[in-house]
């Protein structure tokens, strides 16, 4: 939360401009926060003031860590040094997403089709599904077994089933059974 941050400090949020979560965070700062998404956005920060740096939960850790280094370098360039209190990072990133990203990429490329099972409202699910879809265009998002379509598997031999952190095992099993009924496939 943004309680207790001095009025003269800069609140900087790393995230996608216009994203619902980012808009919510900016709203909590009464519109004071500066949203940064790429390196050129760092020009909008006033480096004379202490910088409090936050992140949208679904952004990648690699991007966050790069932004942290870039801001630190700019403060040093501007002030000559980096003192305690000049830069406070609040890493609100969802660790589950970043820790699972490399495994999920490997998983999604190992199968011809990926069926990702998650609740529609799960931001963790959306972020993890996006990781699959990026590396395998034949990735499909379902929140129930009824949403699976037989033509996804035409001419395909292998299917991987993945889920969000919150996806219950029984739902994954239902999806697996439905796919096995539809197509003679190995699914994992």
N, C-alpha and C. Protein backbone atom coordinates (compact mmCIF):
# COMPACT_ATOMS: atom_id res chain seq x y z
N UNK A 1 0.84 -1.19 0.00
CA UNK A 1 0.00 0.00 0.00
C UNK A 1 0.88 1.24 0.00
N UNK A 2 0.24 2.38 -0.25
CA UNK A 2 0.99 3.62 -0.42
C UNK A 2 0.95 4.49 0.83
N UNK A 3 0.47 3.90 1.95
CA UNK A 3 0.40 4.65 3.21
C UNK A 3 1.80 5.06 3.63
N UNK A 4 1.91 6.24 4.20
CA UNK A 4 3.17 6.64 4.80
C UNK A 4 4.25 7.07 3.82
N UNK A 5 3.92 7.20 2.55
CA UNK A 5 4.92 7.69 1.59
C UNK A 5 4.83 9.22 1.60
N UNK A 6 5.96 9.87 1.78
CA UNK A 6 5.98 11.35 1.83
C UNK A 6 5.34 11.95 0.60
N UNK A 7 4.73 13.10 0.79
CA UNK A 7 4.07 13.79 -0.32
C UNK A 7 5.05 14.20 -1.41
N UNK A 8 6.32 14.43 -1.04
CA UNK A 8 7.28 14.88 -2.05
C UNK A 8 7.93 13.72 -2.81
N UNK A 9 7.62 12.49 -2.41
CA UNK A 9 8.23 11.33 -3.08
C UNK A 9 7.53 11.06 -4.41
N UNK A 10 8.27 10.42 -5.31
CA UNK A 10 7.70 9.98 -6.58
C UNK A 10 7.25 8.53 -6.43
N UNK A 11 6.01 8.26 -6.78
CA UNK A 11 5.54 6.87 -6.78
C UNK A 11 5.56 6.41 -8.23
N UNK A 12 6.34 5.36 -8.48
CA UNK A 12 6.52 4.88 -9.85
C UNK A 12 6.02 3.44 -9.91
N UNK A 13 5.19 3.14 -10.90
CA UNK A 13 4.62 1.79 -11.04
C UNK A 13 5.06 1.21 -12.38
N UNK A 14 5.66 0.02 -12.32
CA UNK A 14 6.05 -0.69 -13.55
C UNK A 14 4.87 -1.53 -13.99
N UNK A 15 4.34 -1.23 -15.16
CA UNK A 15 3.21 -2.03 -15.64
C UNK A 15 2.70 -1.51 -16.97
N UNK A 16 1.66 -2.16 -17.45
CA UNK A 16 1.05 -1.84 -18.75
C UNK A 16 0.10 -0.66 -18.56
N UNK A 17 0.35 0.47 -19.24
CA UNK A 17 -0.56 1.61 -19.08
C UNK A 17 -1.99 1.19 -19.46
N UNK A 18 -2.94 1.61 -18.65
CA UNK A 18 -4.34 1.29 -18.95
C UNK A 18 -4.81 -0.06 -18.41
N UNK A 19 -3.89 -0.91 -17.94
CA UNK A 19 -4.27 -2.21 -17.36
C UNK A 19 -5.09 -1.95 -16.09
N UNK A 20 -6.12 -2.75 -15.87
CA UNK A 20 -7.03 -2.52 -14.73
C UNK A 20 -6.29 -2.44 -13.41
N UNK A 21 -5.34 -3.35 -13.21
CA UNK A 21 -4.61 -3.36 -11.94
C UNK A 21 -3.75 -2.11 -11.79
N UNK A 22 -3.14 -1.67 -12.88
CA UNK A 22 -2.31 -0.45 -12.86
C UNK A 22 -3.18 0.77 -12.58
N UNK A 23 -4.34 0.85 -13.25
CA UNK A 23 -5.27 1.95 -13.01
C UNK A 23 -5.70 1.99 -11.55
N UNK A 24 -5.92 0.80 -10.96
CA UNK A 24 -6.30 0.71 -9.55
C UNK A 24 -5.20 1.24 -8.64
N UNK A 25 -3.96 0.86 -8.95
CA UNK A 25 -2.81 1.32 -8.15
C UNK A 25 -2.67 2.84 -8.26
N UNK A 26 -2.80 3.37 -9.49
CA UNK A 26 -2.67 4.82 -9.70
C UNK A 26 -3.78 5.53 -8.93
N UNK A 27 -4.98 4.95 -8.95
CA UNK A 27 -6.12 5.52 -8.22
C UNK A 27 -5.85 5.62 -6.73
N UNK A 28 -5.18 4.61 -6.18
CA UNK A 28 -4.86 4.61 -4.75
C UNK A 28 -3.87 5.71 -4.39
N UNK A 29 -3.17 6.25 -5.37
CA UNK A 29 -2.19 7.33 -5.10
C UNK A 29 -2.80 8.68 -5.45
N UNK A 30 -4.12 8.73 -5.65
CA UNK A 30 -4.81 9.95 -6.09
C UNK A 30 -4.22 10.48 -7.39
N UNK A 31 -3.83 9.55 -8.24
CA UNK A 31 -3.34 9.95 -9.56
C UNK A 31 -1.91 10.50 -9.57
N UNK A 32 -1.22 10.40 -8.43
CA UNK A 32 0.17 10.91 -8.36
C UNK A 32 1.18 10.03 -9.06
N UNK A 33 0.86 8.74 -9.14
CA UNK A 33 1.87 7.79 -9.60
C UNK A 33 2.22 7.99 -11.08
N UNK A 34 3.47 7.65 -11.40
CA UNK A 34 3.94 7.66 -12.78
C UNK A 34 4.04 6.20 -13.21
N UNK A 35 3.42 5.87 -14.35
CA UNK A 35 3.47 4.49 -14.84
C UNK A 35 4.62 4.39 -15.84
N UNK A 36 5.51 3.40 -15.63
CA UNK A 36 6.60 3.17 -16.58
C UNK A 36 6.45 1.78 -17.18
N UNK A 37 6.63 1.71 -18.48
CA UNK A 37 6.46 0.44 -19.18
C UNK A 37 7.71 0.12 -20.00
N UNK A 38 8.37 1.16 -20.50
CA UNK A 38 9.61 0.94 -21.23
C UNK A 38 10.61 2.01 -20.81
N UNK A 39 11.84 1.85 -21.27
CA UNK A 39 12.92 2.69 -20.76
C UNK A 39 12.68 4.19 -20.95
N UNK A 40 12.09 4.59 -22.07
CA UNK A 40 11.88 6.02 -22.32
C UNK A 40 10.94 6.65 -21.29
N UNK A 41 10.06 5.84 -20.68
CA UNK A 41 9.14 6.36 -19.66
C UNK A 41 9.88 6.86 -18.42
N UNK A 42 11.13 6.40 -18.24
CA UNK A 42 11.90 6.80 -17.06
C UNK A 42 12.28 8.29 -17.12
N UNK A 43 12.15 8.90 -18.30
CA UNK A 43 12.41 10.34 -18.44
C UNK A 43 11.39 11.16 -17.66
N UNK A 44 10.24 10.57 -17.35
CA UNK A 44 9.16 11.30 -16.67
C UNK A 44 9.36 11.39 -15.16
N UNK A 45 10.37 10.72 -14.63
CA UNK A 45 10.60 10.70 -13.19
C UNK A 45 11.46 11.89 -12.78
N UNK A 46 11.11 12.51 -11.64
CA UNK A 46 11.92 13.60 -11.08
C UNK A 46 12.92 12.98 -10.10
N UNK A 47 14.18 12.92 -10.51
CA UNK A 47 15.19 12.21 -9.71
C UNK A 47 15.70 13.04 -8.53
N UNK A 48 15.18 14.26 -8.36
CA UNK A 48 15.51 15.03 -7.16
C UNK A 48 14.74 14.50 -5.95
N UNK A 49 13.67 13.76 -6.23
CA UNK A 49 12.81 13.27 -5.15
C UNK A 49 13.07 11.79 -4.90
N UNK A 50 12.78 11.31 -3.68
CA UNK A 50 12.89 9.87 -3.44
C UNK A 50 11.94 9.12 -4.37
N UNK A 51 12.37 7.96 -4.87
CA UNK A 51 11.54 7.18 -5.78
C UNK A 51 11.07 5.90 -5.07
N UNK A 52 9.76 5.72 -5.01
CA UNK A 52 9.17 4.48 -4.49
C UNK A 52 8.67 3.69 -5.69
N UNK A 53 9.22 2.51 -5.90
CA UNK A 53 8.96 1.76 -7.12
C UNK A 53 8.10 0.53 -6.83
N UNK A 54 6.97 0.44 -7.53
CA UNK A 54 6.06 -0.70 -7.37
C UNK A 54 5.92 -1.40 -8.71
N UNK A 55 5.33 -2.60 -8.70
CA UNK A 55 5.14 -3.32 -9.94
C UNK A 55 3.76 -3.95 -10.02
N UNK A 56 3.21 -3.97 -11.23
CA UNK A 56 2.00 -4.75 -11.51
C UNK A 56 2.34 -6.22 -11.24
N UNK A 57 1.43 -6.96 -10.62
CA UNK A 57 1.77 -8.32 -10.18
C UNK A 57 2.09 -9.29 -11.31
N UNK A 58 1.52 -9.06 -12.50
CA UNK A 58 1.73 -10.06 -13.55
C UNK A 58 2.90 -9.73 -14.49
N UNK A 59 3.63 -8.67 -14.21
CA UNK A 59 4.77 -8.34 -15.07
C UNK A 59 5.95 -9.29 -14.78
N UNK A 60 6.83 -9.47 -15.74
CA UNK A 60 7.92 -10.44 -15.54
C UNK A 60 8.99 -9.88 -14.61
N UNK A 61 9.60 -10.76 -13.83
CA UNK A 61 10.65 -10.33 -12.89
C UNK A 61 11.86 -9.77 -13.62
N UNK A 62 12.15 -10.32 -14.80
CA UNK A 62 13.34 -9.89 -15.52
C UNK A 62 13.17 -8.42 -15.89
N UNK A 63 11.99 -8.06 -16.38
CA UNK A 63 11.70 -6.68 -16.73
C UNK A 63 11.77 -5.77 -15.51
N UNK A 64 11.24 -6.25 -14.39
CA UNK A 64 11.24 -5.46 -13.15
C UNK A 64 12.67 -5.19 -12.70
N UNK A 65 13.48 -6.24 -12.70
CA UNK A 65 14.87 -6.09 -12.24
C UNK A 65 15.67 -5.16 -13.15
N UNK A 66 15.38 -5.20 -14.44
CA UNK A 66 16.06 -4.29 -15.38
C UNK A 66 15.66 -2.84 -15.09
N UNK A 67 14.38 -2.61 -14.87
CA UNK A 67 13.88 -1.26 -14.53
C UNK A 67 14.54 -0.75 -13.25
N UNK A 68 14.67 -1.65 -12.25
CA UNK A 68 15.31 -1.27 -10.98
C UNK A 68 16.73 -0.77 -11.25
N UNK A 69 17.49 -1.52 -12.05
CA UNK A 69 18.87 -1.12 -12.35
C UNK A 69 18.92 0.20 -13.12
N UNK A 70 18.00 0.34 -14.10
CA UNK A 70 17.98 1.57 -14.91
C UNK A 70 17.70 2.80 -14.04
N UNK A 71 16.74 2.67 -13.11
CA UNK A 71 16.39 3.80 -12.23
C UNK A 71 17.56 4.11 -11.30
N UNK A 72 18.18 3.07 -10.75
CA UNK A 72 19.34 3.29 -9.87
C UNK A 72 20.44 4.05 -10.61
N UNK A 73 20.72 3.64 -11.84
CA UNK A 73 21.76 4.30 -12.64
C UNK A 73 21.43 5.77 -12.88
N UNK A 74 20.15 6.04 -13.15
CA UNK A 74 19.74 7.42 -13.41
C UNK A 74 19.84 8.28 -12.16
N UNK A 75 19.52 7.69 -10.99
CA UNK A 75 19.64 8.46 -9.73
C UNK A 75 21.11 8.81 -9.49
N UNK A 76 21.99 7.82 -9.68
CA UNK A 76 23.43 8.04 -9.48
C UNK A 76 23.93 9.13 -10.45
N UNK A 77 23.49 9.03 -11.71
CA UNK A 77 23.90 10.01 -12.72
C UNK A 77 23.42 11.42 -12.33
N UNK A 78 22.20 11.47 -11.80
CA UNK A 78 21.59 12.77 -11.47
C UNK A 78 22.16 13.36 -10.18
N UNK A 79 22.30 12.50 -9.14
CA UNK A 79 22.68 13.00 -7.81
C UNK A 79 24.14 12.76 -7.48
N UNK A 80 24.79 11.90 -8.26
CA UNK A 80 26.18 11.59 -7.97
C UNK A 80 26.35 10.36 -7.08
N UNK A 81 25.28 9.97 -6.38
CA UNK A 81 25.35 8.76 -5.55
C UNK A 81 23.93 8.27 -5.25
N UNK A 82 23.85 7.09 -4.68
CA UNK A 82 22.56 6.52 -4.31
C UNK A 82 22.54 6.38 -2.79
N UNK A 83 21.81 7.26 -2.11
CA UNK A 83 21.76 7.23 -0.64
C UNK A 83 20.58 6.39 -0.17
N UNK A 84 20.61 5.98 1.10
CA UNK A 84 19.45 5.31 1.71
C UNK A 84 18.23 6.20 1.56
N UNK A 85 17.14 5.63 1.14
CA UNK A 85 15.92 6.43 1.05
C UNK A 85 15.71 7.08 -0.30
N UNK A 86 16.75 7.08 -1.16
CA UNK A 86 16.58 7.65 -2.51
C UNK A 86 15.70 6.76 -3.38
N UNK A 87 15.78 5.47 -3.12
CA UNK A 87 15.09 4.51 -4.00
C UNK A 87 14.59 3.34 -3.17
N UNK A 88 13.28 3.19 -3.11
CA UNK A 88 12.69 2.10 -2.34
C UNK A 88 11.90 1.22 -3.30
N UNK A 89 12.28 -0.04 -3.42
CA UNK A 89 11.52 -0.92 -4.31
C UNK A 89 10.57 -1.76 -3.49
N UNK A 90 9.39 -1.94 -4.04
CA UNK A 90 8.35 -2.75 -3.40
C UNK A 90 7.98 -3.80 -4.42
N UNK A 91 8.57 -4.96 -4.31
CA UNK A 91 8.39 -5.97 -5.35
C UNK A 91 7.09 -6.72 -5.09
N UNK A 92 6.03 -6.23 -5.72
CA UNK A 92 4.71 -6.84 -5.52
C UNK A 92 4.42 -7.90 -6.58
N UNK A 93 5.45 -8.27 -7.34
CA UNK A 93 5.24 -9.25 -8.41
C UNK A 93 4.74 -10.58 -7.88
N UNK A 94 3.92 -11.19 -8.68
CA UNK A 94 3.41 -12.51 -8.31
C UNK A 94 4.51 -13.54 -8.59
N UNK A 95 5.15 -14.00 -7.54
CA UNK A 95 6.27 -14.95 -7.68
C UNK A 95 5.86 -16.22 -8.40
N UNK A 96 4.60 -16.63 -8.17
CA UNK A 96 4.17 -17.89 -8.79
C UNK A 96 4.29 -17.82 -10.30
N UNK A 97 3.98 -16.65 -10.87
CA UNK A 97 4.06 -16.51 -12.32
C UNK A 97 5.51 -16.59 -12.78
N UNK A 98 6.38 -15.77 -12.15
CA UNK A 98 7.75 -15.71 -12.65
C UNK A 98 8.50 -17.03 -12.44
N UNK A 99 8.21 -17.72 -11.32
CA UNK A 99 8.88 -19.00 -11.08
C UNK A 99 8.41 -20.07 -12.05
N UNK A 100 7.16 -19.96 -12.49
CA UNK A 100 6.62 -20.99 -13.37
C UNK A 100 6.88 -20.70 -14.84
N UNK A 101 7.25 -19.46 -15.16
CA UNK A 101 7.40 -19.07 -16.56
C UNK A 101 8.33 -19.99 -17.36
N UNK A 102 9.58 -20.23 -16.90
CA UNK A 102 10.48 -21.07 -17.69
C UNK A 102 9.96 -22.50 -17.86
N UNK A 103 9.41 -23.08 -16.78
CA UNK A 103 8.89 -24.46 -16.87
C UNK A 103 7.72 -24.51 -17.85
N UNK A 104 6.85 -23.51 -17.76
CA UNK A 104 5.67 -23.50 -18.60
C UNK A 104 6.04 -23.34 -20.07
N UNK A 105 7.06 -22.53 -20.35
CA UNK A 105 7.51 -22.36 -21.74
C UNK A 105 7.99 -23.69 -22.30
N UNK A 106 8.76 -24.41 -21.49
CA UNK A 106 9.25 -25.73 -21.93
C UNK A 106 8.08 -26.67 -22.15
N UNK A 107 7.13 -26.65 -21.21
CA UNK A 107 5.94 -27.50 -21.29
C UNK A 107 5.15 -27.21 -22.57
N UNK A 108 4.91 -25.91 -22.83
CA UNK A 108 4.06 -25.52 -23.96
C UNK A 108 4.69 -25.84 -25.31
N UNK A 109 6.04 -25.89 -25.36
CA UNK A 109 6.68 -26.22 -26.63
C UNK A 109 6.80 -27.74 -26.81
N UNK A 110 6.61 -28.49 -25.74
CA UNK A 110 6.77 -29.95 -25.80
C UNK A 110 5.54 -30.63 -26.41
N UNK A 111 4.40 -29.94 -26.47
CA UNK A 111 3.16 -30.53 -26.99
C UNK A 111 2.66 -29.74 -28.18
N UNK A 112 1.93 -30.44 -29.06
CA UNK A 112 1.38 -29.76 -30.23
C UNK A 112 0.22 -28.84 -29.85
N UNK A 113 -0.57 -29.28 -28.89
CA UNK A 113 -1.71 -28.48 -28.42
C UNK A 113 -1.59 -28.34 -26.91
N UNK A 114 -1.88 -27.14 -26.40
CA UNK A 114 -1.92 -26.93 -24.95
C UNK A 114 -3.32 -26.46 -24.56
N UNK A 115 -3.91 -27.15 -23.59
CA UNK A 115 -5.19 -26.71 -23.05
C UNK A 115 -4.92 -26.18 -21.65
N UNK A 116 -5.20 -24.88 -21.47
CA UNK A 116 -4.92 -24.24 -20.18
C UNK A 116 -6.22 -24.07 -19.42
N UNK A 117 -6.27 -24.61 -18.21
CA UNK A 117 -7.50 -24.66 -17.42
C UNK A 117 -7.40 -23.67 -16.27
N UNK A 118 -8.34 -22.72 -16.25
CA UNK A 118 -8.30 -21.71 -15.18
C UNK A 118 -9.63 -20.99 -15.10
N UNK A 119 -9.91 -20.42 -13.95
CA UNK A 119 -11.08 -19.56 -13.82
C UNK A 119 -10.89 -18.32 -14.69
N UNK A 120 -11.97 -17.80 -15.24
CA UNK A 120 -11.92 -16.63 -16.14
C UNK A 120 -11.34 -15.40 -15.43
N UNK A 121 -11.57 -15.31 -14.12
CA UNK A 121 -11.20 -14.08 -13.40
C UNK A 121 -9.80 -14.15 -12.80
N UNK A 122 -9.14 -15.30 -12.90
CA UNK A 122 -7.83 -15.46 -12.26
C UNK A 122 -6.74 -14.70 -13.02
N UNK A 123 -6.14 -13.68 -12.38
CA UNK A 123 -5.08 -12.94 -13.09
C UNK A 123 -3.84 -13.81 -13.24
N UNK A 124 -3.62 -14.71 -12.26
CA UNK A 124 -2.53 -15.68 -12.36
C UNK A 124 -2.76 -16.57 -13.59
N UNK A 125 -3.99 -17.05 -13.76
CA UNK A 125 -4.33 -17.89 -14.91
C UNK A 125 -4.11 -17.18 -16.23
N UNK A 126 -4.56 -15.93 -16.29
CA UNK A 126 -4.41 -15.16 -17.53
C UNK A 126 -2.93 -14.97 -17.88
N UNK A 127 -2.12 -14.66 -16.87
CA UNK A 127 -0.69 -14.43 -17.11
C UNK A 127 -0.01 -15.71 -17.57
N UNK A 128 -0.33 -16.83 -16.92
CA UNK A 128 0.30 -18.10 -17.27
C UNK A 128 -0.16 -18.59 -18.65
N UNK A 129 -1.46 -18.37 -18.94
CA UNK A 129 -1.97 -18.74 -20.27
C UNK A 129 -1.24 -17.94 -21.36
N UNK A 130 -0.99 -16.65 -21.09
CA UNK A 130 -0.29 -15.80 -22.06
C UNK A 130 1.12 -16.34 -22.35
N UNK A 131 1.77 -16.89 -21.32
CA UNK A 131 3.10 -17.50 -21.50
C UNK A 131 3.00 -18.67 -22.48
N UNK A 132 1.99 -19.53 -22.30
CA UNK A 132 1.78 -20.67 -23.21
C UNK A 132 1.51 -20.20 -24.63
N UNK A 133 0.57 -19.26 -24.75
CA UNK A 133 0.13 -18.79 -26.08
C UNK A 133 1.29 -18.15 -26.84
N UNK A 134 2.19 -17.48 -26.11
CA UNK A 134 3.35 -16.85 -26.73
C UNK A 134 4.26 -17.84 -27.42
N UNK A 135 4.46 -19.00 -26.79
CA UNK A 135 5.38 -19.98 -27.36
C UNK A 135 4.66 -21.04 -28.19
N UNK A 136 3.35 -21.21 -27.96
CA UNK A 136 2.60 -22.20 -28.73
C UNK A 136 1.24 -21.60 -29.11
N UNK A 137 1.10 -21.18 -30.38
CA UNK A 137 -0.16 -20.57 -30.81
C UNK A 137 -1.36 -21.50 -30.69
N UNK A 138 -1.12 -22.83 -30.66
CA UNK A 138 -2.21 -23.80 -30.47
C UNK A 138 -2.48 -24.02 -28.98
N UNK A 139 -2.58 -22.92 -28.22
CA UNK A 139 -2.93 -23.00 -26.80
C UNK A 139 -4.35 -22.46 -26.64
N UNK A 140 -5.14 -23.14 -25.83
CA UNK A 140 -6.54 -22.76 -25.65
C UNK A 140 -6.84 -22.61 -24.17
N UNK A 141 -7.65 -21.59 -23.83
CA UNK A 141 -8.00 -21.29 -22.44
C UNK A 141 -9.41 -21.82 -22.20
N UNK A 142 -9.57 -22.68 -21.21
CA UNK A 142 -10.92 -23.16 -20.85
C UNK A 142 -11.11 -23.06 -19.33
N UNK A 143 -12.37 -22.83 -18.94
CA UNK A 143 -12.63 -22.86 -17.50
C UNK A 143 -13.54 -24.04 -17.14
N UNK A 144 -13.97 -24.80 -18.16
CA UNK A 144 -14.69 -26.05 -17.89
C UNK A 144 -14.48 -27.02 -19.06
N UNK A 145 -14.73 -28.28 -18.80
CA UNK A 145 -14.53 -29.31 -19.83
C UNK A 145 -15.47 -29.10 -21.03
N UNK A 146 -16.61 -28.44 -20.79
CA UNK A 146 -17.60 -28.21 -21.86
C UNK A 146 -17.08 -27.28 -22.95
N UNK A 147 -16.06 -26.49 -22.62
CA UNK A 147 -15.58 -25.50 -23.59
C UNK A 147 -14.59 -26.08 -24.60
N UNK A 148 -14.22 -27.35 -24.41
CA UNK A 148 -13.22 -27.96 -25.30
C UNK A 148 -13.86 -28.30 -26.65
N UNK A 149 -13.14 -27.99 -27.72
CA UNK A 149 -13.66 -28.26 -29.06
C UNK A 149 -12.80 -29.30 -29.76
N UNK A 150 -13.48 -30.29 -30.36
CA UNK A 150 -12.79 -31.43 -30.98
C UNK A 150 -11.83 -31.00 -32.09
N UNK A 151 -12.18 -29.94 -32.83
CA UNK A 151 -11.34 -29.58 -33.98
C UNK A 151 -9.99 -28.99 -33.58
N UNK A 152 -9.80 -28.68 -32.30
CA UNK A 152 -8.48 -28.23 -31.84
C UNK A 152 -7.43 -29.32 -32.06
N UNK A 153 -7.89 -30.58 -32.06
CA UNK A 153 -6.95 -31.71 -32.05
C UNK A 153 -6.81 -32.39 -33.40
N UNK A 154 -7.42 -31.83 -34.44
CA UNK A 154 -7.32 -32.43 -35.77
C UNK A 154 -5.88 -32.56 -36.21
N UNK A 155 -5.46 -33.78 -36.52
CA UNK A 155 -4.11 -34.01 -37.02
C UNK A 155 -3.02 -33.84 -35.98
N UNK A 156 -3.40 -33.67 -34.72
CA UNK A 156 -2.38 -33.50 -33.66
C UNK A 156 -2.23 -34.80 -32.88
N UNK A 157 -1.01 -35.04 -32.43
CA UNK A 157 -0.72 -36.28 -31.69
C UNK A 157 -0.63 -36.08 -30.18
N UNK A 158 -0.19 -34.90 -29.76
CA UNK A 158 0.06 -34.73 -28.33
C UNK A 158 -0.62 -33.47 -27.78
N UNK A 159 -1.12 -33.60 -26.55
CA UNK A 159 -1.79 -32.49 -25.88
C UNK A 159 -1.21 -32.35 -24.48
N UNK A 160 -0.90 -31.14 -24.09
CA UNK A 160 -0.49 -30.87 -22.71
C UNK A 160 -1.61 -30.12 -22.02
N UNK A 161 -1.89 -30.48 -20.77
CA UNK A 161 -2.91 -29.78 -19.99
C UNK A 161 -2.21 -29.08 -18.83
N UNK A 162 -2.41 -27.77 -18.73
CA UNK A 162 -1.79 -27.01 -17.64
C UNK A 162 -2.88 -26.22 -16.94
N UNK A 163 -2.56 -25.73 -15.74
CA UNK A 163 -3.56 -24.96 -15.00
C UNK A 163 -2.93 -23.86 -14.19
N UNK A 164 -3.77 -22.95 -13.73
CA UNK A 164 -3.31 -21.87 -12.84
C UNK A 164 -3.02 -22.46 -11.46
N UNK A 165 -2.40 -21.65 -10.62
CA UNK A 165 -2.09 -22.08 -9.25
C UNK A 165 -3.37 -22.50 -8.52
N UNK A 166 -4.48 -21.81 -8.83
CA UNK A 166 -5.73 -22.05 -8.11
C UNK A 166 -6.62 -23.11 -8.77
N UNK A 167 -6.21 -23.64 -9.92
CA UNK A 167 -7.06 -24.61 -10.63
C UNK A 167 -7.11 -25.93 -9.87
N UNK A 168 -8.33 -26.39 -9.50
CA UNK A 168 -8.41 -27.65 -8.75
C UNK A 168 -8.06 -28.86 -9.62
N UNK A 169 -7.47 -29.87 -8.97
CA UNK A 169 -7.03 -31.08 -9.67
C UNK A 169 -8.20 -31.80 -10.35
N UNK A 170 -9.37 -31.84 -9.69
CA UNK A 170 -10.52 -32.55 -10.27
C UNK A 170 -10.93 -31.94 -11.61
N UNK A 171 -10.78 -30.61 -11.73
CA UNK A 171 -11.14 -29.93 -12.97
C UNK A 171 -10.16 -30.31 -14.09
N UNK A 172 -8.87 -30.38 -13.72
CA UNK A 172 -7.85 -30.81 -14.69
C UNK A 172 -8.16 -32.24 -15.17
N UNK A 173 -8.56 -33.10 -14.23
CA UNK A 173 -8.90 -34.49 -14.57
C UNK A 173 -10.10 -34.55 -15.52
N UNK A 174 -11.12 -33.72 -15.25
CA UNK A 174 -12.32 -33.68 -16.12
C UNK A 174 -11.93 -33.29 -17.53
N UNK A 175 -11.06 -32.29 -17.63
CA UNK A 175 -10.60 -31.81 -18.94
C UNK A 175 -9.85 -32.92 -19.66
N UNK A 176 -8.98 -33.62 -18.91
CA UNK A 176 -8.20 -34.72 -19.48
C UNK A 176 -9.13 -35.82 -20.02
N UNK A 177 -10.14 -36.19 -19.22
CA UNK A 177 -11.08 -37.24 -19.65
C UNK A 177 -11.83 -36.82 -20.91
N UNK A 178 -12.28 -35.58 -20.94
CA UNK A 178 -13.04 -35.07 -22.09
C UNK A 178 -12.18 -35.13 -23.36
N UNK A 179 -10.92 -34.71 -23.24
CA UNK A 179 -10.02 -34.72 -24.41
C UNK A 179 -9.80 -36.16 -24.88
N UNK A 180 -9.62 -37.07 -23.91
CA UNK A 180 -9.39 -38.47 -24.27
C UNK A 180 -10.61 -39.08 -24.96
N UNK A 181 -11.81 -38.65 -24.56
CA UNK A 181 -13.03 -39.13 -25.21
C UNK A 181 -13.11 -38.61 -26.64
N UNK A 182 -12.72 -37.36 -26.83
CA UNK A 182 -12.87 -36.72 -28.14
C UNK A 182 -11.88 -37.25 -29.17
N UNK A 183 -10.69 -37.53 -28.71
CA UNK A 183 -9.63 -37.87 -29.66
C UNK A 183 -8.79 -38.96 -29.05
N UNK A 184 -8.26 -39.81 -29.89
CA UNK A 184 -7.36 -40.84 -29.39
C UNK A 184 -5.98 -40.17 -29.30
N UNK A 185 -5.71 -39.67 -28.11
CA UNK A 185 -4.51 -38.86 -27.92
C UNK A 185 -3.80 -39.27 -26.64
N UNK A 186 -2.50 -39.01 -26.62
CA UNK A 186 -1.84 -39.09 -25.31
C UNK A 186 -1.99 -37.69 -24.72
N UNK A 187 -2.51 -37.57 -23.50
CA UNK A 187 -2.49 -36.24 -22.88
C UNK A 187 -1.73 -36.31 -21.58
N UNK A 188 -1.09 -35.20 -21.21
CA UNK A 188 -0.29 -35.14 -19.99
C UNK A 188 -0.72 -33.97 -19.17
